[in-house]
């Protein structure tokens, strides 16, 4: 979809926020994703330290 139908603000760059931003952008919204920390990913970004092998499934 190339025509923008509106703007939306997603607060939080965790897994849910990222997915919401992707879904909304695919629907044609212009999305602002805001995260208070310097990186996105939330708790998922820490799982490689907690579970360093591929044997972890969520």
PDB file of N, CA and C in Angstrom:
ATOM      1  N   UNK A   1       0.844  -1.169   0.000  1.00  0.00           N
ATOM      2  CA  UNK A   1       0.000   0.000   0.000  1.00  0.00           C
ATOM      3  C   UNK A   1       0.893   1.237   0.000  1.00  0.00           C
ATOM      4  N   UNK A   2       0.777   2.083  -0.970  1.00  0.00           N
ATOM      5  CA  UNK A   2       1.663   3.233  -1.090  1.00  0.00           C
ATOM      6  C   UNK A   2       1.071   4.511  -0.499  1.00  0.00           C
ATOM      7  N   UNK A   3      -0.229   4.578  -0.351  1.00  0.00           N
ATOM      8  CA  UNK A   3      -0.861   5.778   0.172  1.00  0.00           C
ATOM      9  C   UNK A   3      -0.934   5.715   1.691  1.00  0.00           C
ATOM     10  N   UNK A   4      -0.405   6.746   2.362  1.00  0.00           N
ATOM     11  CA  UNK A   4      -0.453   6.806   3.817  1.00  0.00           C
ATOM     12  C   UNK A   4      -1.856   7.226   4.254  1.00  0.00           C
ATOM     13  N   UNK A   5      -2.399   6.522   5.261  1.00  0.00           N
ATOM     14  CA  UNK A   5      -3.761   6.821   5.704  1.00  0.00           C
ATOM     15  C   UNK A   5      -3.799   7.543   7.041  1.00  0.00           C
ATOM     16  N   UNK A   6      -2.652   7.759   7.658  1.00  0.00           N
ATOM     17  CA  UNK A   6      -2.601   8.457   8.928  1.00  0.00           C
ATOM     18  C   UNK A   6      -1.266   8.238   9.607  1.00  0.00           C
ATOM     19  N   UNK A   7      -1.138   8.832  10.780  1.00  0.00           N
ATOM     20  CA  UNK A   7       0.090   8.695  11.551  1.00  0.00           C
ATOM     21  C   UNK A   7      -0.250   8.077  12.899  1.00  0.00           C
ATOM     22  N   UNK A   8       0.686   7.264  13.412  1.00  0.00           N
ATOM     23  CA  UNK A   8       0.471   6.617  14.699  1.00  0.00           C
ATOM     24  C   UNK A   8       1.786   6.601  15.463  1.00  0.00           C
ATOM     25  N   UNK A   9       1.697   6.691  16.790  1.00  0.00           N
ATOM     26  CA  UNK A   9       2.858   6.659  17.665  1.00  0.00           C
ATOM     27  C   UNK A   9       2.841   5.360  18.449  1.00  0.00           C
ATOM     28  N   UNK A  10       3.910   4.585  18.351  1.00  0.00           N
ATOM     29  CA  UNK A  10       4.054   3.351  19.115  1.00  0.00           C
ATOM     30  C   UNK A  10       5.097   3.608  20.192  1.00  0.00           C
ATOM     31  N   UNK A  11       4.705   3.447  21.452  1.00  0.00           N
ATOM     32  CA  UNK A  11       5.619   3.656  22.573  1.00  0.00           C
ATOM     33  C   UNK A  11       6.178   2.317  23.022  1.00  0.00           C
ATOM     34  N   UNK A  12       7.475   2.177  22.967  1.00  0.00           N
ATOM     35  CA  UNK A  12       8.136   0.952  23.400  1.00  0.00           C
ATOM     36  C   UNK A  12       8.668   0.165  22.226  1.00  0.00           C
ATOM     37  N   UNK A  13       9.968  -0.092  22.256  1.00  0.00           N
ATOM     38  CA  UNK A  13      10.622  -0.805  21.173  1.00  0.00           C
ATOM     39  C   UNK A  13      10.925  -2.243  21.501  1.00  0.00           C
ATOM     40  N   UNK A  14      10.079  -2.848  22.336  1.00  0.00           N
ATOM     41  CA  UNK A  14      10.217  -4.279  22.592  1.00  0.00           C
ATOM     42  C   UNK A  14       9.639  -5.071  21.433  1.00  0.00           C
ATOM     43  N   UNK A  15       9.550  -6.365  21.613  1.00  0.00           N
ATOM     44  CA  UNK A  15       9.055  -7.226  20.542  1.00  0.00           C
ATOM     45  C   UNK A  15       7.644  -6.831  20.118  1.00  0.00           C
ATOM     46  N   UNK A  16       6.787  -6.567  21.077  1.00  0.00           N
ATOM     47  CA  UNK A  16       5.404  -6.206  20.762  1.00  0.00           C
ATOM     48  C   UNK A  16       5.322  -4.859  20.055  1.00  0.00           C
ATOM     49  N   UNK A  17       6.088  -3.880  20.523  1.00  0.00           N
ATOM     50  CA  UNK A  17       6.097  -2.571  19.882  1.00  0.00           C
ATOM     51  C   UNK A  17       6.613  -2.623  18.457  1.00  0.00           C
ATOM     52  N   UNK A  18       7.678  -3.403  18.251  1.00  0.00           N
ATOM     53  CA  UNK A  18       8.233  -3.546  16.904  1.00  0.00           C
ATOM     54  C   UNK A  18       7.223  -4.206  15.980  1.00  0.00           C
ATOM     55  N   UNK A  19       6.560  -5.261  16.457  1.00  0.00           N
ATOM     56  CA  UNK A  19       5.577  -5.955  15.628  1.00  0.00           C
ATOM     57  C   UNK A  19       4.386  -5.058  15.322  1.00  0.00           C
ATOM     58  N   UNK A  20       3.934  -4.297  16.322  1.00  0.00           N
ATOM     59  CA  UNK A  20       2.823  -3.371  16.094  1.00  0.00           C
ATOM     60  C   UNK A  20       3.201  -2.327  15.049  1.00  0.00           C
ATOM     61  N   UNK A  21       4.418  -1.801  15.135  1.00  0.00           N
ATOM     62  CA  UNK A  21       4.878  -0.807  14.165  1.00  0.00           C
ATOM     63  C   UNK A  21       4.930  -1.395  12.757  1.00  0.00           C
ATOM     64  N   UNK A  22       5.423  -2.615  12.635  1.00  0.00           N
ATOM     65  CA  UNK A  22       5.474  -3.269  11.324  1.00  0.00           C
ATOM     66  C   UNK A  22       4.076  -3.499  10.762  1.00  0.00           C
ATOM     67  N   UNK A  23       3.182  -4.018  11.603  1.00  0.00           N
ATOM     68  CA  UNK A  23       1.809  -4.284  11.149  1.00  0.00           C
ATOM     69  C   UNK A  23       1.116  -3.000  10.700  1.00  0.00           C
ATOM     70  N   UNK A  24       1.246  -1.946  11.503  1.00  0.00           N
ATOM     71  CA  UNK A  24       0.601  -0.681  11.163  1.00  0.00           C
ATOM     72  C   UNK A  24       1.182  -0.067   9.895  1.00  0.00           C
ATOM     73  N   UNK A  25       2.491  -0.192   9.719  1.00  0.00           N
ATOM     74  CA  UNK A  25       3.098   0.365   8.504  1.00  0.00           C
ATOM     75  C   UNK A  25       2.635  -0.395   7.267  1.00  0.00           C
ATOM     76  N   UNK A  26       2.424  -1.695   7.398  1.00  0.00           N
ATOM     77  CA  UNK A  26       1.928  -2.480   6.267  1.00  0.00           C
ATOM     78  C   UNK A  26       0.479  -2.143   5.937  1.00  0.00           C
ATOM     79  N   UNK A  27      -0.248  -1.636   6.921  1.00  0.00           N
ATOM     80  CA  UNK A  27      -1.626  -1.207   6.680  1.00  0.00           C
ATOM     81  C   UNK A  27      -1.691   0.189   6.066  1.00  0.00           C
ATOM     82  N   UNK A  28      -0.550   0.864   5.984  1.00  0.00           N
ATOM     83  CA  UNK A  28      -0.518   2.168   5.344  1.00  0.00           C
ATOM     84  C   UNK A  28      -0.330   3.346   6.275  1.00  0.00           C
ATOM     85  N   UNK A  29      -0.126   3.102   7.548  1.00  0.00           N
ATOM     86  CA  UNK A  29       0.096   4.185   8.499  1.00  0.00           C
ATOM     87  C   UNK A  29       1.559   4.615   8.484  1.00  0.00           C
ATOM     88  N   UNK A  30       1.796   5.898   8.741  1.00  0.00           N
ATOM     89  CA  UNK A  30       3.139   6.401   8.962  1.00  0.00           C
ATOM     90  C   UNK A  30       3.397   6.215  10.449  1.00  0.00           C
ATOM     91  N   UNK A  31       4.406   5.446  10.810  1.00  0.00           N
ATOM     92  CA  UNK A  31       4.608   5.025  12.197  1.00  0.00           C
ATOM     93  C   UNK A  31       5.821   5.709  12.807  1.00  0.00           C
ATOM     94  N   UNK A  32       5.628   6.228  14.011  1.00  0.00           N
ATOM     95  CA  UNK A  32       6.724   6.717  14.840  1.00  0.00           C
ATOM     96  C   UNK A  32       6.910   5.700  15.962  1.00  0.00           C
ATOM     97  N   UNK A  33       8.084   5.112  16.059  1.00  0.00           N
ATOM     98  CA  UNK A  33       8.399   4.149  17.113  1.00  0.00           C
ATOM     99  C   UNK A  33       9.350   4.823  18.092  1.00  0.00           C
ATOM    100  N   UNK A  34       8.939   4.934  19.364  1.00  0.00           N
ATOM    101  CA  UNK A  34       9.730   5.623  20.378  1.00  0.00           C
ATOM    102  C   UNK A  34      10.140   4.630  21.459  1.00  0.00           C
ATOM    103  N   UNK A  35      11.439   4.588  21.744  1.00  0.00           N
ATOM    104  CA  UNK A  35      11.989   3.729  22.797  1.00  0.00           C
ATOM    105  C   UNK A  35      12.861   4.588  23.703  1.00  0.00           C
ATOM    106  N   UNK A  36      12.719   4.429  25.020  1.00  0.00           N
ATOM    107  CA  UNK A  36      13.484   5.264  25.947  1.00  0.00           C
ATOM    108  C   UNK A  36      14.935   4.817  26.093  1.00  0.00           C
ATOM    109  N   UNK A  37      15.214   3.564  25.785  1.00  0.00           N
ATOM    110  CA  UNK A  37      16.585   3.062  25.893  1.00  0.00           C
ATOM    111  C   UNK A  37      17.315   3.250  24.565  1.00  0.00           C
ATOM    112  N   UNK A  38      18.651   3.155  24.572  1.00  0.00           N
ATOM    113  CA  UNK A  38      19.399   3.373  23.330  1.00  0.00           C
ATOM    114  C   UNK A  38      19.266   2.254  22.298  1.00  0.00           C
ATOM    115  N   UNK A  39      18.714   1.109  22.680  1.00  0.00           N
ATOM    116  CA  UNK A  39      18.541   0.002  21.737  1.00  0.00           C
ATOM    117  C   UNK A  39      17.105  -0.494  21.777  1.00  0.00           C
ATOM    118  N   UNK A  40      16.686  -1.150  20.698  1.00  0.00           N
ATOM    119  CA  UNK A  40      15.356  -1.743  20.665  1.00  0.00           C
ATOM    120  C   UNK A  40      15.473  -3.250  20.875  1.00  0.00           C
ATOM    121  N   UNK A  41      14.363  -3.877  21.145  1.00  0.00           N
ATOM    122  CA  UNK A  41      14.350  -5.321  21.332  1.00  0.00           C
ATOM    123  C   UNK A  41      13.872  -5.733  22.710  1.00  0.00           C
ATOM    124  N   UNK A  42      13.914  -4.820  23.659  1.00  0.00           N
ATOM    125  CA  UNK A  42      13.441  -5.116  25.006  1.00  0.00           C
ATOM    126  C   UNK A  42      14.161  -6.292  25.630  1.00  0.00           C
ATOM    127  N   UNK A  43      13.398  -7.174  26.263  1.00  0.00           N
ATOM    128  CA  UNK A  43      13.964  -8.340  26.942  1.00  0.00           C
ATOM    129  C   UNK A  43      14.577  -9.333  25.961  1.00  0.00           C
ATOM    130  N   UNK A  44      14.101  -9.343  24.725  1.00  0.00           N
ATOM    131  CA  UNK A  44      14.644 -10.274  23.731  1.00  0.00           C
ATOM    132  C   UNK A  44      16.116 -10.003  23.457  1.00  0.00           C
ATOM    133  N   UNK A  45      16.529  -8.755  23.571  1.00  0.00           N
ATOM    134  CA  UNK A  45      17.924  -8.401  23.312  1.00  0.00           C
ATOM    135  C   UNK A  45      18.859  -9.008  24.349  1.00  0.00           C
ATOM    136  N   UNK A  46      18.322  -9.411  25.501  1.00  0.00           N
ATOM    137  CA  UNK A  46      19.139  -9.977  26.572  1.00  0.00           C
ATOM    138  C   UNK A  46      19.164 -11.497  26.554  1.00  0.00           C
ATOM    139  N   UNK A  47      18.327 -12.136  25.757  1.00  0.00           N
ATOM    140  CA  UNK A  47      18.230 -13.593  25.799  1.00  0.00           C
ATOM    141  C   UNK A  47      19.482 -14.304  25.313  1.00  0.00           C
ATOM    142  N   UNK A  48      20.249 -13.677  24.432  1.00  0.00           N
ATOM    143  CA  UNK A  48      21.465 -14.345  23.972  1.00  0.00           C
ATOM    144  C   UNK A  48      22.486 -14.471  25.094  1.00  0.00           C
ATOM    145  N   UNK A  49      22.397 -13.613  26.099  1.00  0.00           N
ATOM    146  CA  UNK A  49      23.284 -13.711  27.255  1.00  0.00           C
ATOM    147  C   UNK A  49      22.763 -14.749  28.250  1.00  0.00           C
ATOM    148  N   UNK A  50      21.449 -14.830  28.384  1.00  0.00           N
ATOM    149  CA  UNK A  50      20.847 -15.784  29.307  1.00  0.00           C
ATOM    150  C   UNK A  50      20.845 -17.189  28.733  1.00  0.00           C
ATOM    151  N   UNK A  51      20.495 -17.307  27.459  1.00  0.00           N
ATOM    152  CA  UNK A  51      20.450 -18.591  26.771  1.00  0.00           C
ATOM    153  C   UNK A  51      21.356 -18.515  25.541  1.00  0.00           C
ATOM    154  N   UNK A  52      22.666 -18.700  25.706  1.00  0.00           N
ATOM    155  CA  UNK A  52      23.588 -18.488  24.579  1.00  0.00           C
ATOM    156  C   UNK A  52      23.533 -19.561  23.494  1.00  0.00           C
ATOM    157  N   UNK A  53      22.801 -20.643  23.712  1.00  0.00           N
ATOM    158  CA  UNK A  53      22.719 -21.688  22.690  1.00  0.00           C
ATOM    159  C   UNK A  53      21.403 -21.590  21.953  1.00  0.00           C
ATOM    160  N   UNK A  54      21.287 -22.331  20.884  1.00  0.00           N
ATOM    161  CA  UNK A  54      20.071 -22.325  20.073  1.00  0.00           C
ATOM    162  C   UNK A  54      18.981 -23.207  20.686  1.00  0.00           C
ATOM    163  N   UNK A  55      19.249 -23.798  21.830  1.00  0.00           N
ATOM    164  CA  UNK A  55      18.304 -24.718  22.455  1.00  0.00           C
ATOM    165  C   UNK A  55      17.168 -24.011  23.175  1.00  0.00           C
ATOM    166  N   UNK A  56      17.175 -22.694  23.187  1.00  0.00           N
ATOM    167  CA  UNK A  56      16.127 -21.924  23.840  1.00  0.00           C
ATOM    168  C   UNK A  56      15.010 -21.643  22.847  1.00  0.00           C
ATOM    169  N   UNK A  57      13.787 -21.956  23.222  1.00  0.00           N
ATOM    170  CA  UNK A  57      12.647 -21.593  22.383  1.00  0.00           C
ATOM    171  C   UNK A  57      11.632 -20.865  23.232  1.00  0.00           C
ATOM    172  N   UNK A  58      10.997 -19.883  22.628  1.00  0.00           N
ATOM    173  CA  UNK A  58      10.019 -19.083  23.373  1.00  0.00           C
ATOM    174  C   UNK A  58       8.652 -19.379  22.832  1.00  0.00           C
TER     175      UNK A  58
END
